Amino acid sequence: MPVAPADGGPFTWRPATAADVPALAELYRAAALRFGPLVYTGAQVEAWAGFPDDTAAFRHYVLEADTWLAEGPGDAAPLGFCGVDRAGTLREVHSLYVRPQATRQGLGSAMLRRSLQRAQGGGACRFGAWVTPFSRPVFLRAGFTWTRTVAAEFAGTVFERYRVERG
C-alpha cells in the first residue's frame, strides 16, 4: 500500500523533538540495513547502520540541526526526516532519510524541498550536502550540482561520498 503519492504528500510536517530521537534512530538504521547492501560492503553497512548506537552523537545529529519529520495519516512511526543547519547563508543539509517502505514515492524530494524553503525563509541562499548513492539523485533533481567525490572515513570504515551544492 503506498504511503504517499508521487508528489510526496499527504503528510504532517513538524519539528523533531528529543522524544522523536529513538524512532528516528530506528528509521535511520532500517534505511541503512535495507539499502546499504545494494552498494556497500558488509563492514560499510555495519558502520552506517551502527551510528544510532552512539546515542549522544545521534541525538546531536538530529537536534542540533533544524530537523523536521514527516508523519503519515494514522502512522505511529515517522515516514522520514530531513535536517539542515540552523544559521548562515550557506546551510549544510545534514540528513534526509525515508522509511524503506515509503521510498520512491516523492517523499524525500518533498521533505528536502520543504527544508530548503524553511532555510531560505531564514536567510539561506546556498546549500551543500555530503550524499550517498541513494540520496544523490534526489539532490540532483532539487537543483544541486555534483562537485566532487571523496573517500572519507566514517566509524572506522572508508566510504565514497559525493559533495553536492546549490546556489
Protein backbone atom coordinates (compact mmCIF):
# COMPACT_ATOMS: atom_id res chain seq x y z
CA MET A 1 0.00 0.00 0.00
CA PRO A 2 1.55 3.35 -0.97
CA VAL A 3 2.43 5.61 1.91
CA ALA A 4 2.49 8.82 -0.10
CA PRO A 5 1.59 9.76 -3.67
CA ALA A 6 4.29 10.77 -6.17
CA ASP A 7 4.19 14.41 -5.05
CA GLY A 8 5.31 13.40 -1.55
CA GLY A 9 2.12 14.26 0.35
CA PRO A 10 -0.12 14.00 2.26
CA PHE A 11 1.91 14.06 5.39
CA THR A 12 2.17 16.08 8.56
CA TRP A 13 5.38 18.11 8.79
CA ARG A 14 6.65 19.05 12.22
CA PRO A 15 9.92 19.77 14.03
CA ALA A 16 11.71 16.80 15.55
CA THR A 17 11.91 16.72 19.34
CA ALA A 18 14.04 14.81 21.81
CA ALA A 19 11.13 12.37 22.19
CA ASP A 20 11.39 11.55 18.45
CA VAL A 21 15.08 10.60 18.52
CA PRO A 22 14.56 6.85 19.24
CA ALA A 23 12.06 6.48 16.37
CA LEU A 24 14.33 8.43 14.01
CA ALA A 25 17.25 6.19 15.04
CA GLU A 26 15.16 3.14 14.12
CA LEU A 27 14.23 4.69 10.76
CA TYR A 28 17.88 5.59 10.06
CA ARG A 29 19.05 2.06 10.92
CA ALA A 30 16.29 0.46 8.82
CA ALA A 31 17.29 2.56 5.80
CA ALA A 32 20.97 1.69 6.20
CA LEU A 33 20.23 -2.04 6.55
CA ARG A 34 17.79 -2.09 3.62
CA PHE A 35 19.76 -0.01 1.09
CA GLY A 36 23.36 -0.38 2.24
CA PRO A 37 23.86 -3.92 0.92
CA LEU A 38 22.96 -2.74 -2.58
CA VAL A 39 26.18 -0.71 -2.89
CA TYR A 40 28.29 -1.14 0.24
CA THR A 41 30.40 -3.90 1.76
CA GLY A 42 29.26 -5.67 4.92
CA ALA A 43 31.66 -3.56 7.02
CA GLN A 44 30.33 -0.36 5.49
CA VAL A 45 26.71 -1.37 6.12
CA GLU A 46 27.57 -2.25 9.71
CA ALA A 47 29.27 1.14 10.24
CA TRP A 48 26.40 3.08 8.67
CA ALA A 49 23.66 1.18 10.50
CA GLY A 50 25.57 1.40 13.79
CA PHE A 51 25.64 5.19 14.01
CA PRO A 52 22.44 5.39 16.14
CA ASP A 53 24.15 3.16 18.72
CA ASP A 54 26.11 6.26 19.73
CA THR A 55 23.04 7.74 21.38
CA ALA A 56 24.63 11.11 22.21
CA ALA A 57 26.05 11.61 18.70
CA PHE A 58 22.80 10.59 17.02
CA ARG A 59 20.79 12.86 19.33
CA HIS A 60 23.12 15.73 18.43
CA TYR A 61 22.81 14.86 14.71
CA VAL A 62 19.03 15.22 14.92
CA LEU A 63 18.55 18.03 17.42
CA GLU A 64 21.39 20.41 16.57
CA ALA A 65 20.12 20.80 13.01
CA ASP A 66 16.72 22.21 12.08
CA THR A 67 15.31 18.70 11.69
CA TRP A 68 11.72 18.15 10.67
CA LEU A 69 9.88 14.89 10.29
CA ALA A 70 7.08 13.62 8.12
CA GLU A 71 4.23 11.60 9.56
CA GLY A 72 1.53 9.90 7.54
CA PRO A 73 -2.15 9.88 8.41
CA GLY A 74 -2.63 7.28 11.13
CA ASP A 75 1.04 6.23 11.13
CA ALA A 76 2.62 5.61 14.53
CA ALA A 77 6.19 5.84 13.19
CA PRO A 78 7.70 8.71 11.19
CA LEU A 79 7.85 8.35 7.42
CA GLY A 80 11.08 10.31 7.17
CA PHE A 81 13.16 13.23 8.37
CA CYS A 82 15.35 15.99 6.99
CA GLY A 83 17.75 18.28 8.86
CA VAL A 84 19.50 21.48 7.74
CA ASP A 85 21.88 23.87 9.54
CA ARG A 86 20.03 26.45 11.59
CA ALA A 87 22.02 29.56 10.63
CA GLY A 88 24.17 31.16 7.96
CA THR A 89 23.84 31.97 4.29
CA LEU A 90 25.44 28.60 3.40
CA ARG A 91 23.48 25.79 5.02
CA GLU A 92 24.54 22.17 5.18
CA VAL A 93 21.84 19.53 4.71
CA HIS A 94 22.71 17.02 7.43
CA SER A 95 20.06 14.36 6.93
CA LEU A 96 17.47 13.09 4.51
CA TYR A 97 16.04 9.69 5.40
CA VAL A 98 12.84 7.96 4.34
CA ARG A 99 11.36 4.82 5.84
CA PRO A 100 12.26 1.99 3.42
CA GLN A 101 8.60 1.16 2.73
CA ALA A 102 7.93 4.80 1.76
CA THR A 103 10.74 5.31 -0.76
CA ARG A 104 10.25 6.02 -4.47
CA GLN A 105 7.04 7.96 -3.82
CA GLY A 106 8.34 11.52 -3.80
CA LEU A 107 8.55 11.87 -0.02
CA GLY A 108 12.32 12.51 0.10
CA SER A 109 12.02 15.19 -2.57
CA ALA A 110 9.08 16.80 -0.77
CA MET A 111 10.90 16.84 2.58
CA LEU A 112 14.04 18.28 1.01
CA ARG A 113 12.02 20.97 -0.78
CA ARG A 114 10.23 21.97 2.43
CA SER A 115 13.51 22.03 4.40
CA LEU A 116 15.24 24.22 1.82
CA GLN A 117 12.27 26.59 1.74
CA ARG A 118 12.40 26.90 5.54
CA ALA A 119 16.12 27.68 5.39
CA GLN A 120 15.66 30.21 2.59
CA GLY A 121 13.00 31.91 4.70
CA GLY A 122 15.69 32.21 7.39
CA GLY A 123 18.21 33.84 5.05
CA ALA A 124 19.98 30.89 3.43
CA CYS A 125 20.96 31.36 -0.20
CA ARG A 126 23.37 28.45 -0.71
CA PHE A 127 23.26 24.81 0.31
CA GLY A 128 25.66 21.90 0.47
CA ALA A 129 25.50 18.24 1.41
CA TRP A 130 27.57 15.07 1.52
CA VAL A 131 25.30 12.45 0.00
CA THR A 132 25.14 8.71 -0.56
CA PRO A 133 24.45 6.87 -3.81
CA PHE A 134 20.80 6.69 -2.67
CA SER A 135 20.19 10.36 -1.97
CA ARG A 136 22.33 11.82 -4.75
CA PRO A 137 19.54 11.59 -7.39
CA VAL A 138 17.09 13.36 -5.06
CA PHE A 139 19.54 16.22 -4.55
CA LEU A 140 20.36 16.48 -8.25
CA ARG A 141 16.64 16.71 -9.09
CA ALA A 142 16.38 19.50 -6.50
CA GLY A 143 18.90 21.62 -8.42
CA PHE A 144 22.09 20.61 -6.62
CA THR A 145 25.26 20.06 -8.66
CA TRP A 146 27.67 17.21 -8.01
CA THR A 147 31.01 18.94 -7.27
CA ARG A 148 33.33 16.13 -6.19
CA THR A 149 33.73 12.61 -4.88
CA VAL A 150 35.95 11.76 -1.92
CA ALA A 151 36.87 8.70 0.11
CA ALA A 152 36.18 9.52 3.75
CA GLU A 153 36.24 7.53 6.96
CA PHE A 154 33.06 7.05 8.96
CA ALA A 155 33.01 4.86 12.06
CA GLY A 156 36.36 3.33 11.15
CA THR A 157 35.32 2.41 7.60
CA VAL A 158 36.07 4.25 4.36
CA PHE A 159 33.11 5.31 2.21
CA GLU A 160 32.92 7.05 -1.13
CA ARG A 161 30.98 10.28 -0.54
CA TYR A 162 29.58 12.77 -3.00
CA ARG A 163 29.57 16.53 -2.46
CA VAL A 164 26.61 18.39 -3.90
CA GLU A 165 25.94 22.14 -3.80
CA ARG A 166 23.21 24.52 -4.81
CA GLY A 167 23.07 28.30 -5.19
